[in-house]
C-alpha atoms as a PDB file:
ATOM      1  CA  GLY A   1      -9.823  -2.128  13.191  1.00  0.00           C
ATOM      2  CA  THR A   2      -6.298  -1.375  14.278  1.00  0.00           C
ATOM      3  CA  VAL A   3      -3.797   1.437  13.996  1.00  0.00           C
ATOM      4  CA  ALA A   4       0.000   1.023  14.043  1.00  0.00           C
ATOM      5  CA  VAL A   5       1.957   3.186  16.471  1.00  0.00           C
ATOM      6  CA  PRO A   6       5.671   3.224  17.312  1.00  0.00           C
ATOM      7  CA  ILE A   7       6.747   1.407  20.450  1.00  0.00           C
ATOM      8  CA  ASP A   8       9.301   4.192  20.968  1.00  0.00           C
ATOM      9  CA  TYR A   9       8.239   7.606  19.652  1.00  0.00           C
ATOM     10  CA  ALA A  10      11.908   8.669  19.651  1.00  0.00           C
ATOM     11  CA  LYS A  11      12.377   5.982  16.956  1.00  0.00           C
ATOM     12  CA  PRO A  12       9.190   6.213  14.858  1.00  0.00           C
ATOM     13  CA  GLU A  13      10.657   3.954  12.143  1.00  0.00           C
ATOM     14  CA  GLY A  14      11.322   1.209  14.701  1.00  0.00           C
ATOM     15  CA  ALA A  15       9.099  -1.499  16.115  1.00  0.00           C
ATOM     16  CA  GLN A  16       5.356  -0.939  15.918  1.00  0.00           C
ATOM     17  CA  ALA A  17       2.441  -1.930  18.134  1.00  0.00           C
ATOM     18  CA  GLN A  18      -1.092  -2.475  16.858  1.00  0.00           C
ATOM     19  CA  LEU A  19      -3.808  -0.713  18.860  1.00  0.00           C
ATOM     20  CA  ALA A  20      -7.466  -1.679  18.558  1.00  0.00           C
ATOM     21  CA  VAL A  21      -9.679   1.207  17.463  1.00  0.00           C
ATOM     22  CA  LEU A  22     -13.408   1.595  16.890  1.00  0.00           C
ATOM     23  CA  LYS A  23     -15.316   4.535  15.446  1.00  0.00           C
ATOM     24  CA  VAL A  24     -19.093   4.819  15.611  1.00  0.00           C
ATOM     25  CA  PRO A  25     -19.934   7.580  13.126  1.00  0.00           C
ATOM     26  CA  ALA A  26     -22.491  10.293  13.788  1.00  0.00           C
ATOM     27  CA  SER A  27     -25.816   9.429  12.188  1.00  0.00           C
ATOM     28  CA  GLY A  28     -26.567  13.026  11.195  1.00  0.00           C
ATOM     29  CA  SER A  29     -24.619  16.214  10.640  1.00  0.00           C
ATOM     30  CA  ARG A  30     -21.391  15.722  12.601  1.00  0.00           C
ATOM     31  CA  ILE A  31     -20.198  18.624  14.715  1.00  0.00           C
ATOM     32  CA  GLY A  32     -17.351  16.860  16.472  1.00  0.00           C
ATOM     33  CA  VAL A  33     -15.697  13.738  17.809  1.00  0.00           C
ATOM     34  CA  LEU A  34     -15.856  12.297  21.324  1.00  0.00           C
ATOM     35  CA  VAL A  35     -12.843  10.168  22.266  1.00  0.00           C
ATOM     36  CA  VAL A  36     -13.676   7.629  24.959  1.00  0.00           C
ATOM     37  CA  ASN A  37     -11.203   6.529  27.634  1.00  0.00           C
ATOM     38  CA  PRO A  38     -12.849   4.126  30.091  1.00  0.00           C
ATOM     39  CA  GLY A  39      -9.925   4.401  32.508  1.00  0.00           C
ATOM     40  CA  GLY A  40      -8.675   1.709  34.790  1.00  0.00           C
ATOM     41  CA  PRO A  41      -6.294  -1.079  33.930  1.00  0.00           C
ATOM     42  CA  GLY A  42      -7.697  -3.693  31.601  1.00  0.00           C
ATOM     43  CA  ALA A  43     -10.710  -1.680  30.433  1.00  0.00           C
ATOM     44  CA  SER A  44     -11.361  -1.716  26.691  1.00  0.00           C
ATOM     45  CA  ALA A  45     -12.239   1.574  24.996  1.00  0.00           C
ATOM     46  CA  VAL A  46     -13.342  -0.395  21.924  1.00  0.00           C
ATOM     47  CA  ASP A  47     -15.859  -2.415  23.961  1.00  0.00           C
ATOM     48  CA  THR A  48     -17.025   0.729  25.754  1.00  0.00           C
ATOM     49  CA  VAL A  49     -17.618   2.582  22.464  1.00  0.00           C
ATOM     50  CA  ALA A  50     -19.524  -0.397  21.050  1.00  0.00           C
ATOM     51  CA  SER A  51     -21.806  -0.416  24.107  1.00  0.00           C
ATOM     52  CA  MET A  52     -22.201   3.356  24.098  1.00  0.00           C
ATOM     53  CA  GLY A  53     -23.034   3.361  20.394  1.00  0.00           C
ATOM     54  CA  ALA A  54     -25.907   0.968  20.995  1.00  0.00           C
ATOM     55  CA  ALA A  55     -27.120   2.823  24.093  1.00  0.00           C
ATOM     56  CA  LEU A  56     -26.911   6.273  22.460  1.00  0.00           C
ATOM     57  CA  ALA A  57     -28.242   5.301  19.025  1.00  0.00           C
ATOM     58  CA  ASP A  58     -31.330   7.543  19.164  1.00  0.00           C
ATOM     59  CA  THR A  59     -29.805  10.498  20.999  1.00  0.00           C
ATOM     60  CA  ASP A  60     -28.524  13.891  19.883  1.00  0.00           C
ATOM     61  CA  ILE A  61     -25.057  12.820  21.034  1.00  0.00           C
ATOM     62  CA  LEU A  62     -24.725  10.103  18.405  1.00  0.00           C
ATOM     63  CA  ARG A  63     -26.584  12.153  15.812  1.00  0.00           C
ATOM     64  CA  HIS A  64     -23.928  14.870  15.991  1.00  0.00           C
ATOM     65  CA  PHE A  65     -20.730  13.265  17.304  1.00  0.00           C
ATOM     66  CA  ASP A  66     -18.514  10.408  16.163  1.00  0.00           C
ATOM     67  CA  LEU A  67     -17.548   8.159  19.087  1.00  0.00           C
ATOM     68  CA  VAL A  68     -13.962   6.869  18.993  1.00  0.00           C
ATOM     69  CA  GLY A  69     -12.245   4.414  21.300  1.00  0.00           C
ATOM     70  CA  ILE A  70      -8.591   3.354  21.138  1.00  0.00           C
ATOM     71  CA  ASP A  71      -7.384   0.600  23.445  1.00  0.00           C
ATOM     72  CA  PRO A  72      -4.161   1.553  25.242  1.00  0.00           C
ATOM     73  CA  ARG A  73      -1.083  -0.498  24.556  1.00  0.00           C
END
């Protein structure tokens, strides 16, 4: 999905940018949220979270934590 954020936070009613966002929900009792930032220019947090969700599917991490990635603008 996407989330709208202001281009200029000093003018929150002004122009907006759409940021890509992905949440992989915990499969069990959630105790928290892990926000993923892959770092580096051009890296996609959404793609990273999708890959991590598949790789961590049967682990305690994904059983108890939502994974969230938001691509930078």
